[in-house]
Amino acid sequence: MAKVFYTEHDIEDMVKRGERSLVVGEDVVLTDLAYEKARRLGMQLVEPNEKPPAAPMRPYLSKPAVAQPISSHSNAAAFGGGSSVRLEAIKARVKSAVKAQLGNQVDDAMLERIIDRVAADLGLK
C-alpha cells in the first residue's frame, strides 16, 4: 500500500472539518511541521497496535531546550584551559566532524552560527 503524507496544511484542513484524531500507522507519514501543528491544535495522533509512525516523531522540536550550565572547571584539563578555551576546542571538534561528514556541502558561516546557537542553548560559556 502507498504511503500517505500529511503536511501542516493537511492537519489544519482536517481540524477545520472537525476531525480531531488521525490514525498514524506504517502507511501514514507526518512531516515535522504537521506533527507540531497537530499538537498545537489538539489533534490526537493514534498509533494502531502501539507501532511507531513511519516518520520519526521528534518531541525535542516541541519542547524548549533546558540549559544545563557546565561548570568552568569540568573537563577543562582535557581541553587545556578554562571554559572559553574549552568551548573553542569543542566548537572546533564539532566543526571538524561536520566538515568530515559533509565536506564542502556546508557553508562555514552558517555552520559557525549553528554551533554558537547550540552552545548557547546548552549553557556553554
PDB file of N, CA and C in Angstrom:
ATOM      1  N   MET A   1       0.832  -1.175   0.000  1.00  0.00           N
ATOM      2  CA  MET A   1       0.000   0.000   0.000  1.00  0.00           C
ATOM      3  C   MET A   1       0.884   1.250   0.000  1.00  0.00           C
ATOM      4  N   ALA A   2       0.488   2.276  -0.724  1.00  0.00           N
ATOM      5  CA  ALA A   2       1.261   3.514  -0.813  1.00  0.00           C
ATOM      6  C   ALA A   2       1.159   4.302   0.488  1.00  0.00           C
ATOM      7  N   LYS A   3       2.233   5.020   0.794  1.00  0.00           N
ATOM      8  CA  LYS A   3       2.238   5.847   1.999  1.00  0.00           C
ATOM      9  C   LYS A   3       1.463   7.134   1.739  1.00  0.00           C
ATOM     10  N   VAL A   4       0.807   7.612   2.788  1.00  0.00           N
ATOM     11  CA  VAL A   4       0.071   8.868   2.729  1.00  0.00           C
ATOM     12  C   VAL A   4       0.849   9.886   3.554  1.00  0.00           C
ATOM     13  N   PHE A   5       1.187  11.008   2.939  1.00  0.00           N
ATOM     14  CA  PHE A   5       1.940  12.052   3.610  1.00  0.00           C
ATOM     15  C   PHE A   5       1.011  13.188   4.005  1.00  0.00           C
ATOM     16  N   TYR A   6       1.178  13.684   5.227  1.00  0.00           N
ATOM     17  CA  TYR A   6       0.389  14.801   5.716  1.00  0.00           C
ATOM     18  C   TYR A   6       1.321  15.959   6.054  1.00  0.00           C
ATOM     19  N   THR A   7       0.935  17.150   5.593  1.00  0.00           N
ATOM     20  CA  THR A   7       1.680  18.363   5.919  1.00  0.00           C
ATOM     21  C   THR A   7       0.903  19.144   6.966  1.00  0.00           C
ATOM     22  N   GLU A   8       1.477  20.244   7.407  1.00  0.00           N
ATOM     23  CA  GLU A   8       0.786  21.077   8.391  1.00  0.00           C
ATOM     24  C   GLU A   8      -0.520  21.627   7.824  1.00  0.00           C
ATOM     25  N   HIS A   9      -0.563  21.894   6.520  1.00  0.00           N
ATOM     26  CA  HIS A   9      -1.790  22.397   5.893  1.00  0.00           C
ATOM     27  C   HIS A   9      -2.879  21.326   5.892  1.00  0.00           C
ATOM     28  N   ASP A  10      -2.473  20.084   5.682  1.00  0.00           N
ATOM     29  CA  ASP A  10      -3.445  18.986   5.730  1.00  0.00           C
ATOM     30  C   ASP A  10      -4.059  18.875   7.128  1.00  0.00           C
ATOM     31  N   ILE A  11      -3.220  19.021   8.145  1.00  0.00           N
ATOM     32  CA  ILE A  11      -3.703  18.941   9.525  1.00  0.00           C
ATOM     33  C   ILE A  11      -4.675  20.088   9.808  1.00  0.00           C
ATOM     34  N   GLU A  12      -4.319  21.300   9.369  1.00  0.00           N
ATOM     35  CA  GLU A  12      -5.221  22.447   9.551  1.00  0.00           C
ATOM     36  C   GLU A  12      -6.574  22.187   8.897  1.00  0.00           C
ATOM     37  N   ASP A  13      -6.548  21.666   7.669  1.00  0.00           N
ATOM     38  CA  ASP A  13      -7.790  21.374   6.946  1.00  0.00           C
ATOM     39  C   ASP A  13      -8.623  20.327   7.681  1.00  0.00           C
ATOM     40  N   MET A  14      -7.963  19.308   8.207  1.00  0.00           N
ATOM     41  CA  MET A  14      -8.679  18.256   8.926  1.00  0.00           C
ATOM     42  C   MET A  14      -9.369  18.818  10.169  1.00  0.00           C
ATOM     43  N   VAL A  15      -8.665  19.679  10.904  1.00  0.00           N
ATOM     44  CA  VAL A  15      -9.238  20.262  12.108  1.00  0.00           C
ATOM     45  C   VAL A  15     -10.411  21.171  11.745  1.00  0.00           C
ATOM     46  N   LYS A  16     -10.277  21.916  10.652  1.00  0.00           N
ATOM     47  CA  LYS A  16     -11.383  22.773  10.202  1.00  0.00           C
ATOM     48  C   LYS A  16     -12.618  21.953   9.850  1.00  0.00           C
ATOM     49  N   ARG A  17     -12.403  20.740   9.349  1.00  0.00           N
ATOM     50  CA  ARG A  17     -13.524  19.850   9.009  1.00  0.00           C
ATOM     51  C   ARG A  17     -14.081  19.148  10.250  1.00  0.00           C
ATOM     52  N   GLY A  18     -13.466  19.361  11.388  1.00  0.00           N
ATOM     53  CA  GLY A  18     -13.963  18.770  12.626  1.00  0.00           C
ATOM     54  C   GLY A  18     -13.305  17.455  12.995  1.00  0.00           C
ATOM     55  N   GLU A  19     -12.314  17.030  12.249  1.00  0.00           N
ATOM     56  CA  GLU A  19     -11.613  15.783  12.572  1.00  0.00           C
ATOM     57  C   GLU A  19     -10.651  16.070  13.725  1.00  0.00           C
ATOM     58  N   ARG A  20     -10.745  15.289  14.760  1.00  0.00           N
ATOM     59  CA  ARG A  20      -9.947  15.526  15.968  1.00  0.00           C
ATOM     60  C   ARG A  20      -8.921  14.444  16.245  1.00  0.00           C
ATOM     61  N   SER A  21      -8.858  13.425  15.373  1.00  0.00           N
ATOM     62  CA  SER A  21      -7.850  12.383  15.561  1.00  0.00           C
ATOM     63  C   SER A  21      -7.412  11.857  14.198  1.00  0.00           C
ATOM     64  N   LEU A  22      -6.235  11.272  14.197  1.00  0.00           N
ATOM     65  CA  LEU A  22      -5.676  10.700  12.980  1.00  0.00           C
ATOM     66  C   LEU A  22      -4.943   9.423  13.360  1.00  0.00           C
ATOM     67  N   VAL A  23      -5.257   8.340  12.675  1.00  0.00           N
ATOM     68  CA  VAL A  23      -4.559   7.079  12.907  1.00  0.00           C
ATOM     69  C   VAL A  23      -3.250   7.144  12.128  1.00  0.00           C
ATOM     70  N   VAL A  24      -2.157   7.030  12.863  1.00  0.00           N
ATOM     71  CA  VAL A  24      -0.824   7.139  12.280  1.00  0.00           C
ATOM     72  C   VAL A  24      -0.191   5.753  12.292  1.00  0.00           C
ATOM     73  N   GLY A  25      -0.280   5.058  11.168  1.00  0.00           N
ATOM     74  CA  GLY A  25       0.280   3.718  11.055  1.00  0.00           C
ATOM     75  C   GLY A  25       1.494   3.708  10.147  1.00  0.00           C
ATOM     76  N   GLU A  26       1.851   2.521   9.692  1.00  0.00           N
ATOM     77  CA  GLU A  26       3.020   2.369   8.835  1.00  0.00           C
ATOM     78  C   GLU A  26       2.848   3.053   7.489  1.00  0.00           C
ATOM     79  N   ASP A  27       1.617   3.229   7.051  1.00  0.00           N
ATOM     80  CA  ASP A  27       1.368   3.831   5.739  1.00  0.00           C
ATOM     81  C   ASP A  27       1.083   5.326   5.823  1.00  0.00           C
ATOM     82  N   VAL A  28       1.218   5.926   7.009  1.00  0.00           N
ATOM     83  CA  VAL A  28       0.963   7.353   7.208  1.00  0.00           C
ATOM     84  C   VAL A  28       2.252   8.027   7.679  1.00  0.00           C
ATOM     85  N   VAL A  29       2.595   9.123   7.006  1.00  0.00           N
ATOM     86  CA  VAL A  29       3.800   9.875   7.358  1.00  0.00           C
ATOM     87  C   VAL A  29       3.402  11.316   7.639  1.00  0.00           C
ATOM     88  N   LEU A  30       3.827  11.817   8.792  1.00  0.00           N
ATOM     89  CA  LEU A  30       3.606  13.222   9.147  1.00  0.00           C
ATOM     90  C   LEU A  30       4.921  13.970   9.023  1.00  0.00           C
ATOM     91  N   THR A  31       4.881  15.136   8.390  1.00  0.00           N
ATOM     92  CA  THR A  31       6.076  15.971   8.413  1.00  0.00           C
ATOM     93  C   THR A  31       6.258  16.489   9.829  1.00  0.00           C
ATOM     94  N   ASP A  32       7.443  16.992  10.128  1.00  0.00           N
ATOM     95  CA  ASP A  32       7.698  17.556  11.458  1.00  0.00           C
ATOM     96  C   ASP A  32       6.728  18.686  11.759  1.00  0.00           C
ATOM     97  N   LEU A  33       6.491  19.540  10.758  1.00  0.00           N
ATOM     98  CA  LEU A  33       5.576  20.662  10.969  1.00  0.00           C
ATOM     99  C   LEU A  33       4.143  20.175  11.159  1.00  0.00           C
ATOM    100  N   ALA A  34       3.763  19.089  10.477  1.00  0.00           N
ATOM    101  CA  ALA A  34       2.422  18.533  10.657  1.00  0.00           C
ATOM    102  C   ALA A  34       2.257  17.993  12.072  1.00  0.00           C
ATOM    103  N   TYR A  35       3.265  17.325  12.579  1.00  0.00           N
ATOM    104  CA  TYR A  35       3.232  16.817  13.948  1.00  0.00           C
ATOM    105  C   TYR A  35       3.056  17.972  14.936  1.00  0.00           C
ATOM    106  N   GLU A  36       3.852  19.037  14.743  1.00  0.00           N
ATOM    107  CA  GLU A  36       3.765  20.187  15.625  1.00  0.00           C
ATOM    108  C   GLU A  36       2.393  20.858  15.532  1.00  0.00           C
ATOM    109  N   LYS A  37       1.865  20.995  14.327  1.00  0.00           N
ATOM    110  CA  LYS A  37       0.552  21.624  14.135  1.00  0.00           C
ATOM    111  C   LYS A  37      -0.533  20.792  14.812  1.00  0.00           C
ATOM    112  N   ALA A  38      -0.461  19.477  14.670  1.00  0.00           N
ATOM    113  CA  ALA A  38      -1.445  18.598  15.305  1.00  0.00           C
ATOM    114  C   ALA A  38      -1.400  18.758  16.818  1.00  0.00           C
ATOM    115  N   ARG A  39      -0.222  18.839  17.366  1.00  0.00           N
ATOM    116  CA  ARG A  39      -0.066  19.015  18.814  1.00  0.00           C
ATOM    117  C   ARG A  39      -0.657  20.349  19.250  1.00  0.00           C
ATOM    118  N   ARG A  40      -0.340  21.418  18.504  1.00  0.00           N
ATOM    119  CA  ARG A  40      -0.842  22.752  18.872  1.00  0.00           C
ATOM    120  C   ARG A  40      -2.358  22.854  18.759  1.00  0.00           C
ATOM    121  N   LEU A  41      -2.924  22.181  17.759  1.00  0.00           N
ATOM    122  CA  LEU A  41      -4.375  22.264  17.553  1.00  0.00           C
ATOM    123  C   LEU A  41      -5.149  21.233  18.363  1.00  0.00           C
ATOM    124  N   GLY A  42      -4.446  20.399  19.106  1.00  0.00           N
ATOM    125  CA  GLY A  42      -5.106  19.420  19.965  1.00  0.00           C
ATOM    126  C   GLY A  42      -5.586  18.181  19.244  1.00  0.00           C
ATOM    127  N   MET A  43      -5.057  17.923  18.059  1.00  0.00           N
ATOM    128  CA  MET A  43      -5.442  16.720  17.331  1.00  0.00           C
ATOM    129  C   MET A  43      -4.748  15.518  17.949  1.00  0.00           C
ATOM    130  N   GLN A  44      -5.493  14.460  18.161  1.00  0.00           N
ATOM    131  CA  GLN A  44      -4.937  13.257  18.758  1.00  0.00           C
ATOM    132  C   GLN A  44      -4.367  12.374  17.651  1.00  0.00           C
ATOM    133  N   LEU A  45      -3.121  11.975  17.818  1.00  0.00           N
ATOM    134  CA  LEU A  45      -2.466  11.070  16.876  1.00  0.00           C
ATOM    135  C   LEU A  45      -2.494   9.676  17.484  1.00  0.00           C
ATOM    136  N   VAL A  46      -3.235   8.789  16.842  1.00  0.00           N
ATOM    137  CA  VAL A  46      -3.457   7.452  17.374  1.00  0.00           C
ATOM    138  C   VAL A  46      -2.576   6.468  16.623  1.00  0.00           C
ATOM    139  N   GLU A  47      -1.841   5.661  17.371  1.00  0.00           N
ATOM    140  CA  GLU A  47      -0.972   4.651  16.788  1.00  0.00           C
ATOM    141  C   GLU A  47      -1.622   3.281  16.947  1.00  0.00           C
ATOM    142  N   PRO A  48      -1.956   2.613  15.838  1.00  0.00           N
ATOM    143  CA  PRO A  48      -2.560   1.290  15.954  1.00  0.00           C
ATOM    144  C   PRO A  48      -1.535   0.269  16.442  1.00  0.00           C
ATOM    145  N   ASN A  49      -1.940  -0.585  17.330  1.00  0.00           N
ATOM    146  CA  ASN A  49      -1.090  -1.681  17.820  1.00  0.00           C
ATOM    147  C   ASN A  49       0.236  -1.202  18.395  1.00  0.00           C
ATOM    148  N   GLU A  50       0.259   0.010  18.931  1.00  0.00           N
ATOM    149  CA  GLU A  50       1.455   0.531  19.587  1.00  0.00           C
ATOM    150  C   GLU A  50       2.669   0.615  18.660  1.00  0.00           C
ATOM    151  N   LYS A  51       2.456   0.669  17.341  1.00  0.00           N
ATOM    152  CA  LYS A  51       3.580   0.767  16.409  1.00  0.00           C
ATOM    153  C   LYS A  51       3.897   2.236  16.168  1.00  0.00           C
ATOM    154  N   PRO A  52       5.182   2.576  16.038  1.00  0.00           N
ATOM    155  CA  PRO A  52       5.541   3.966  15.769  1.00  0.00           C
ATOM    156  C   PRO A  52       5.177   4.345  14.336  1.00  0.00           C
ATOM    157  N   PRO A  53       4.971   5.643  14.070  1.00  0.00           N
ATOM    158  CA  PRO A  53       4.667   6.073  12.711  1.00  0.00           C
ATOM    159  C   PRO A  53       5.874   5.878  11.810  1.00  0.00           C
ATOM    160  N   ALA A  54       5.650   5.931  10.504  1.00  0.00           N
ATOM    161  CA  ALA A  54       6.725   5.714   9.548  1.00  0.00           C
ATOM    162  C   ALA A  54       7.795   6.798   9.657  1.00  0.00           C
ATOM    163  N   ALA A  55       7.390   8.019   9.900  1.00  0.00           N
ATOM    164  CA  ALA A  55       8.360   9.099  10.096  1.00  0.00           C
ATOM    165  C   ALA A  55       8.587   9.264  11.588  1.00  0.00           C
ATOM    166  N   PRO A  56       9.823   9.513  11.978  1.00  0.00           N
ATOM    167  CA  PRO A  56      10.088   9.629  13.409  1.00  0.00           C
ATOM    168  C   PRO A  56       9.421  10.856  13.996  1.00  0.00           C
ATOM    169  N   MET A  57       8.817  10.682  15.170  1.00  0.00           N
ATOM    170  CA  MET A  57       8.287  11.836  15.891  1.00  0.00           C
ATOM    171  C   MET A  57       9.446  12.440  16.645  1.00  0.00           C
ATOM    172  N   ARG A  58       9.515  13.728  16.641  1.00  0.00           N
ATOM    173  CA  ARG A  58      10.646  14.408  17.255  1.00  0.00           C
ATOM    174  C   ARG A  58      10.165  15.338  18.356  1.00  0.00           C
ATOM    175  N   PRO A  59       9.967  14.798  19.555  1.00  0.00           N
ATOM    176  CA  PRO A  59       9.451  15.627  20.637  1.00  0.00           C
ATOM    177  C   PRO A  59      10.395  16.746  21.030  1.00  0.00           C
ATOM    178  N   TYR A  60      11.678  16.609  20.718  1.00  0.00           N
ATOM    179  CA  TYR A  60      12.607  17.664  21.082  1.00  0.00           C
ATOM    180  C   TYR A  60      12.322  18.944  20.318  1.00  0.00           C
ATOM    181  N   LEU A  61      11.573  18.860  19.213  1.00  0.00           N
ATOM    182  CA  LEU A  61      11.216  20.062  18.480  1.00  0.00           C
ATOM    183  C   LEU A  61      10.133  20.852  19.189  1.00  0.00           C
ATOM    184  N   SER A  62       9.326  20.184  19.990  1.00  0.00           N
ATOM    185  CA  SER A  62       8.220  20.867  20.651  1.00  0.00           C
ATOM    186  C   SER A  62       8.546  21.285  22.075  1.00  0.00           C
ATOM    187  N   LYS A  63       9.612  20.772  22.620  1.00  0.00           N
ATOM    188  CA  LYS A  63       9.979  21.113  23.994  1.00  0.00           C
ATOM    189  C   LYS A  63      11.176  22.055  23.972  1.00  0.00           C
ATOM    190  N   PRO A  64      11.105  23.157  24.697  1.00  0.00           N
ATOM    191  CA  PRO A  64      12.252  24.052  24.722  1.00  0.00           C
ATOM    192  C   PRO A  64      13.434  23.373  25.409  1.00  0.00           C
ATOM    193  N   ALA A  65      14.599  23.646  24.886  1.00  0.00           N
ATOM    194  CA  ALA A  65      15.807  23.066  25.470  1.00  0.00           C
ATOM    195  C   ALA A  65      16.029  23.641  26.859  1.00  0.00           C
ATOM    196  N   VAL A  66      16.368  22.784  27.775  1.00  0.00           N
ATOM    197  CA  VAL A  66      16.662  23.215  29.134  1.00  0.00           C
ATOM    198  C   VAL A  66      18.176  23.337  29.240  1.00  0.00           C
ATOM    199  N   ALA A  67      18.621  24.541  29.441  1.00  0.00           N
ATOM    200  CA  ALA A  67      20.064  24.777  29.524  1.00  0.00           C
ATOM    201  C   ALA A  67      20.622  24.115  30.768  1.00  0.00           C
ATOM    202  N   GLN A  68      21.667  23.360  30.564  1.00  0.00           N
ATOM    203  CA  GLN A  68      22.363  22.717  31.665  1.00  0.00           C
ATOM    204  C   GLN A  68      23.739  23.372  31.764  1.00  0.00           C
ATOM    205  N   PRO A  69      23.877  24.386  32.605  1.00  0.00           N
ATOM    206  CA  PRO A  69      25.167  25.060  32.706  1.00  0.00           C
ATOM    207  C   PRO A  69      26.268  24.075  33.097  1.00  0.00           C
ATOM    208  N   ILE A  70      27.374  24.218  32.453  1.00  0.00           N
ATOM    209  CA  ILE A  70      28.519  23.356  32.737  1.00  0.00           C
ATOM    210  C   ILE A  70      29.530  24.190  33.495  1.00  0.00           C
ATOM    211  N   SER A  71      29.999  23.670  34.600  1.00  0.00           N
ATOM    212  CA  SER A  71      30.950  24.427  35.407  1.00  0.00           C
ATOM    213  C   SER A  71      32.231  24.644  34.628  1.00  0.00           C
ATOM    214  N   SER A  72      32.870  25.751  34.894  1.00  0.00           N
ATOM    215  CA  SER A  72      34.051  26.124  34.126  1.00  0.00           C
ATOM    216  C   SER A  72      35.235  25.202  34.368  1.00  0.00           C
ATOM    217  N   HIS A  73      35.201  24.454  35.467  1.00  0.00           N
ATOM    218  CA  HIS A  73      36.344  23.591  35.758  1.00  0.00           C
ATOM    219  C   HIS A  73      36.158  22.172  35.236  1.00  0.00           C
ATOM    220  N   SER A  74      34.936  21.766  34.871  1.00  0.00           N
ATOM    221  CA  SER A  74      34.744  20.395  34.402  1.00  0.00           C
ATOM    222  C   SER A  74      35.334  20.224  33.015  1.00  0.00           C
ATOM    223  N   ASN A  75      36.116  19.205  32.850  1.00  0.00           N
ATOM    224  CA  ASN A  75      36.771  18.867  31.591  1.00  0.00           C
ATOM    225  C   ASN A  75      37.743  19.935  31.094  1.00  0.00           C
ATOM    226  N   ALA A  76      38.032  20.938  31.884  1.00  0.00           N
ATOM    227  CA  ALA A  76      38.932  21.996  31.441  1.00  0.00           C
ATOM    228  C   ALA A  76      40.321  21.440  31.147  1.00  0.00           C
ATOM    229  N   ALA A  77      40.762  20.506  31.976  1.00  0.00           N
ATOM    230  CA  ALA A  77      42.085  19.934  31.759  1.00  0.00           C
ATOM    231  C   ALA A  77      42.155  19.180  30.444  1.00  0.00           C
ATOM    232  N   ALA A  78      41.060  18.534  30.073  1.00  0.00           N
ATOM    233  CA  ALA A  78      41.046  17.768  28.830  1.00  0.00           C
ATOM    234  C   ALA A  78      41.220  18.657  27.616  1.00  0.00           C
ATOM    235  N   PHE A  79      40.814  19.928  27.735  1.00  0.00           N
ATOM    236  CA  PHE A  79      40.930  20.840  26.611  1.00  0.00           C
ATOM    237  C   PHE A  79      41.996  21.900  26.845  1.00  0.00           C
ATOM    238  N   GLY A  80      42.757  21.730  27.884  1.00  0.00           N
ATOM    239  CA  GLY A  80      43.911  22.578  28.097  1.00  0.00           C
ATOM    240  C   GLY A  80      43.632  23.987  28.578  1.00  0.00           C
ATOM    241  N   GLY A  81      42.647  24.217  29.418  1.00  0.00           N
ATOM    242  CA  GLY A  81      42.468  25.556  29.936  1.00  0.00           C
ATOM    243  C   GLY A  81      41.098  25.788  30.511  1.00  0.00           C
ATOM    244  N   GLY A  82      40.728  27.084  30.584  1.00  0.00           N
ATOM    245  CA  GLY A  82      39.464  27.499  31.175  1.00  0.00           C
ATOM    246  C   GLY A  82      38.298  27.249  30.249  1.00  0.00           C
ATOM    247  N   SER A  83      37.147  27.779  30.666  1.00  0.00           N
ATOM    248  CA  SER A  83      35.919  27.491  29.941  1.00  0.00           C
ATOM    249  C   SER A  83      35.916  28.045  28.526  1.00  0.00           C
ATOM    250  N   SER A  84      36.492  29.244  28.294  1.00  0.00           N
ATOM    251  CA  SER A  84      36.480  29.799  26.934  1.00  0.00           C
ATOM    252  C   SER A  84      37.378  28.983  26.012  1.00  0.00           C
ATOM    253  N   VAL A  85      38.503  28.509  26.539  1.00  0.00           N
ATOM    254  CA  VAL A  85      39.386  27.660  25.744  1.00  0.00           C
ATOM    255  C   VAL A  85      38.692  26.329  25.451  1.00  0.00           C
ATOM    256  N   ARG A  86      38.002  25.800  26.471  1.00  0.00           N
ATOM    257  CA  ARG A  86      37.295  24.522  26.327  1.00  0.00           C
ATOM    258  C   ARG A  86      36.188  24.650  25.291  1.00  0.00           C
ATOM    259  N   LEU A  87      35.435  25.750  25.365  1.00  0.00           N
ATOM    260  CA  LEU A  87      34.347  25.956  24.420  1.00  0.00           C
ATOM    261  C   LEU A  87      34.872  26.047  22.995  1.00  0.00           C
ATOM    262  N   GLU A  88      35.938  26.769  22.798  1.00  0.00           N
ATOM    263  CA  GLU A  88      36.516  26.885  21.452  1.00  0.00           C
ATOM    264  C   GLU A  88      37.012  25.531  20.948  1.00  0.00           C
ATOM    265  N   ALA A  89      37.553  24.712  21.849  1.00  0.00           N
ATOM    266  CA  ALA A  89      38.003  23.378  21.464  1.00  0.00           C
ATOM    267  C   ALA A  89      36.825  22.493  21.074  1.00  0.00           C
ATOM    268  N   ILE A  90      35.735  22.595  21.822  1.00  0.00           N
ATOM    269  CA  ILE A  90      34.536  21.819  21.498  1.00  0.00           C
ATOM    270  C   ILE A  90      33.986  22.251  20.153  1.00  0.00           C
ATOM    271  N   LYS A  91      33.899  23.571  19.939  1.00  0.00           N
ATOM    272  CA  LYS A  91      33.395  24.097  18.661  1.00  0.00           C
ATOM    273  C   LYS A  91      34.256  23.601  17.496  1.00  0.00           C
ATOM    274  N   ALA A  92      35.567  23.628  17.685  1.00  0.00           N
ATOM    275  CA  ALA A  92      36.479  23.174  16.626  1.00  0.00           C
ATOM    276  C   ALA A  92      36.278  21.687  16.327  1.00  0.00           C
ATOM    277  N   ARG A  93      36.066  20.881  17.371  1.00  0.00           N
ATOM    278  CA  ARG A  93      35.840  19.445  17.163  1.00  0.00           C
ATOM    279  C   ARG A  93      34.533  19.188  16.427  1.00  0.00           C
ATOM    280  N   VAL A  94      33.484  19.933  16.805  1.00  0.00           N
ATOM    281  CA  VAL A  94      32.193  19.771  16.142  1.00  0.00           C
ATOM    282  C   VAL A  94      32.299  20.180  14.680  1.00  0.00           C
ATOM    283  N   LYS A  95      32.924  21.331  14.427  1.00  0.00           N
ATOM    284  CA  LYS A  95      33.077  21.811  13.050  1.00  0.00           C
ATOM    285  C   LYS A  95      33.881  20.802  12.225  1.00  0.00           C
ATOM    286  N   SER A  96      34.936  20.276  12.805  1.00  0.00           N
ATOM    287  CA  SER A  96      35.757  19.293  12.105  1.00  0.00           C
ATOM    288  C   SER A  96      34.961  18.030  11.778  1.00  0.00           C
ATOM    289  N   ALA A  97      34.140  17.573  12.723  1.00  0.00           N
ATOM    290  CA  ALA A  97      33.340  16.370  12.496  1.00  0.00           C
ATOM    291  C   ALA A  97      32.294  16.592  11.401  1.00  0.00           C
ATOM    292  N   VAL A  98      31.654  17.767  11.420  1.00  0.00           N
ATOM    293  CA  VAL A  98      30.649  18.073  10.402  1.00  0.00           C
ATOM    294  C   VAL A  98      31.311  18.176   9.036  1.00  0.00           C
ATOM    295  N   LYS A  99      32.441  18.858   8.967  1.00  0.00           N
ATOM    296  CA  LYS A  99      33.153  19.004   7.692  1.00  0.00           C
ATOM    297  C   LYS A  99      33.631  17.649   7.169  1.00  0.00           C
ATOM    298  N   ALA A 100      34.015  16.756   8.080  1.00  0.00           N
ATOM    299  CA  ALA A 100      34.451  15.422   7.672  1.00  0.00           C
ATOM    300  C   ALA A 100      33.301  14.647   7.034  1.00  0.00           C
ATOM    301  N   GLN A 101      32.084  14.839   7.548  1.00  0.00           N
ATOM    302  CA  GLN A 101      30.914  14.134   7.017  1.00  0.00           C
ATOM    303  C   GLN A 101      30.365  14.786   5.755  1.00  0.00           C
ATOM    304  N   LEU A 102      30.326  16.127   5.737  1.00  0.00           N
ATOM    305  CA  LEU A 102      29.646  16.834   4.653  1.00  0.00           C
ATOM    306  C   LEU A 102      30.571  17.546   3.678  1.00  0.00           C
ATOM    307  N   GLY A 103      31.830  17.690   4.039  1.00  0.00           N
ATOM    308  CA  GLY A 103      32.773  18.348   3.145  1.00  0.00           C
ATOM    309  C   GLY A 103      32.366  19.776   2.844  1.00  0.00           C
ATOM    310  N   ASN A 104      32.388  20.117   1.554  1.00  0.00           N
ATOM    311  CA  ASN A 104      32.077  21.483   1.132  1.00  0.00           C
ATOM    312  C   ASN A 104      30.590  21.719   0.923  1.00  0.00           C
ATOM    313  N   GLN A 105      29.753  20.774   1.335  1.00  0.00           N
ATOM    314  CA  GLN A 105      28.309  20.934   1.185  1.00  0.00           C
ATOM    315  C   GLN A 105      27.735  21.911   2.194  1.00  0.00           C
ATOM    316  N   VAL A 106      28.503  22.251   3.217  1.00  0.00           N
ATOM    317  CA  VAL A 106      28.005  23.124   4.281  1.00  0.00           C
ATOM    318  C   VAL A 106      28.747  24.455   4.246  1.00  0.00           C
ATOM    319  N   ASP A 107      27.993  25.534   4.426  1.00  0.00           N
ATOM    320  CA  ASP A 107      28.552  26.880   4.449  1.00  0.00           C
ATOM    321  C   ASP A 107      29.225  27.115   5.803  1.00  0.00           C
ATOM    322  N   ASP A 108      30.480  27.559   5.775  1.00  0.00           N
ATOM    323  CA  ASP A 108      31.234  27.750   7.017  1.00  0.00           C
ATOM    324  C   ASP A 108      30.573  28.745   7.957  1.00  0.00           C
ATOM    325  N   ALA A 109      30.074  29.857   7.424  1.00  0.00           N
ATOM    326  CA  ALA A 109      29.458  30.876   8.277  1.00  0.00           C
ATOM    327  C   ALA A 109      28.189  30.337   8.931  1.00  0.00           C
ATOM    328  N   MET A 110      27.397  29.605   8.160  1.00  0.00           N
ATOM    329  CA  MET A 110      26.170  29.037   8.710  1.00  0.00           C
ATOM    330  C   MET A 110      26.506  27.993   9.780  1.00  0.00           C
ATOM    331  N   LEU A 111      27.507  27.171   9.520  1.00  0.00           N
ATOM    332  CA  LEU A 111      27.912  26.162  10.488  1.00  0.00           C
ATOM    333  C   LEU A 111      28.365  26.820  11.794  1.00  0.00           C
ATOM    334  N   GLU A 112      29.120  27.897  11.698  1.00  0.00           N
ATOM    335  CA  GLU A 112      29.553  28.625  12.898  1.00  0.00           C
ATOM    336  C   GLU A 112      28.353  29.136  13.692  1.00  0.00           C
ATOM    337  N   ARG A 113      27.360  29.711  12.995  1.00  0.00           N
ATOM    338  CA  ARG A 113      26.171  30.228  13.685  1.00  0.00           C
ATOM    339  C   ARG A 113      25.407  29.112  14.379  1.00  0.00           C
ATOM    340  N   ILE A 114      25.293  27.964  13.711  1.00  0.00           N
ATOM    341  CA  ILE A 114      24.575  26.830  14.296  1.00  0.00           C
ATOM    342  C   ILE A 114      25.299  26.333  15.541  1.00  0.00           C
ATOM    343  N   ILE A 115      26.601  26.194  15.447  1.00  0.00           N
ATOM    344  CA  ILE A 115      27.389  25.718  16.587  1.00  0.00           C
ATOM    345  C   ILE A 115      27.279  26.705  17.749  1.00  0.00           C
ATOM    346  N   ASP A 116      27.355  28.010  17.456  1.00  0.00           N
ATOM    347  CA  ASP A 116      27.225  29.027  18.503  1.00  0.00           C
ATOM    348  C   ASP A 116      25.854  28.958  19.157  1.00  0.00           C
ATOM    349  N   ARG A 117      24.806  28.780  18.353  1.00  0.00           N
ATOM    350  CA  ARG A 117      23.448  28.724  18.899  1.00  0.00           C
ATOM    351  C   ARG A 117      23.274  27.504  19.807  1.00  0.00           C
ATOM    352  N   VAL A 118      23.763  26.359  19.370  1.00  0.00           N
ATOM    353  CA  VAL A 118      23.642  25.144  20.179  1.00  0.00           C
ATOM    354  C   VAL A 118      24.441  25.292  21.468  1.00  0.00           C
ATOM    355  N   ALA A 119      25.628  25.847  21.385  1.00  0.00           N
ATOM    356  CA  ALA A 119      26.441  26.044  22.582  1.00  0.00           C
ATOM    357  C   ALA A 119      25.717  26.961  23.573  1.00  0.00           C
ATOM    358  N   ALA A 120      25.119  28.025  23.068  1.00  0.00           N
ATOM    359  CA  ALA A 120      24.376  28.942  23.940  1.00  0.00           C
ATOM    360  C   ALA A 120      23.165  28.243  24.552  1.00  0.00           C
ATOM    361  N   ASP A 121      22.445  27.456  23.757  1.00  0.00           N
ATOM    362  CA  ASP A 121      21.289  26.719  24.270  1.00  0.00           C
ATOM    363  C   ASP A 121      21.675  25.726  25.358  1.00  0.00           C
ATOM    364  N   LEU A 122      22.886  25.177  25.253  1.00  0.00           N
ATOM    365  CA  LEU A 122      23.354  24.213  26.243  1.00  0.00           C
ATOM    366  C   LEU A 122      23.979  24.888  27.467  1.00  0.00           C
ATOM    367  N   GLY A 123      24.073  26.211  27.418  1.00  0.00           N
ATOM    368  CA  GLY A 123      24.628  26.926  28.556  1.00  0.00           C
ATOM    369  C   GLY A 123      26.145  26.920  28.604  1.00  0.00           C
ATOM    370  N   LEU A 124      26.776  26.600  27.475  1.00  0.00           N
ATOM    371  CA  LEU A 124      28.238  26.603  27.438  1.00  0.00           C
ATOM    372  C   LEU A 124      28.727  28.041  27.333  1.00  0.00           C
ATOM    373  N   LYS A 125      29.660  28.379  28.172  1.00  0.00           N
ATOM    374  CA  LYS A 125      30.188  29.752  28.174  1.00  0.00           C
ATOM    375  C   LYS A 125      31.674  29.740  28.201  1.00  0.00           C
TER     376      LYS A 125
END
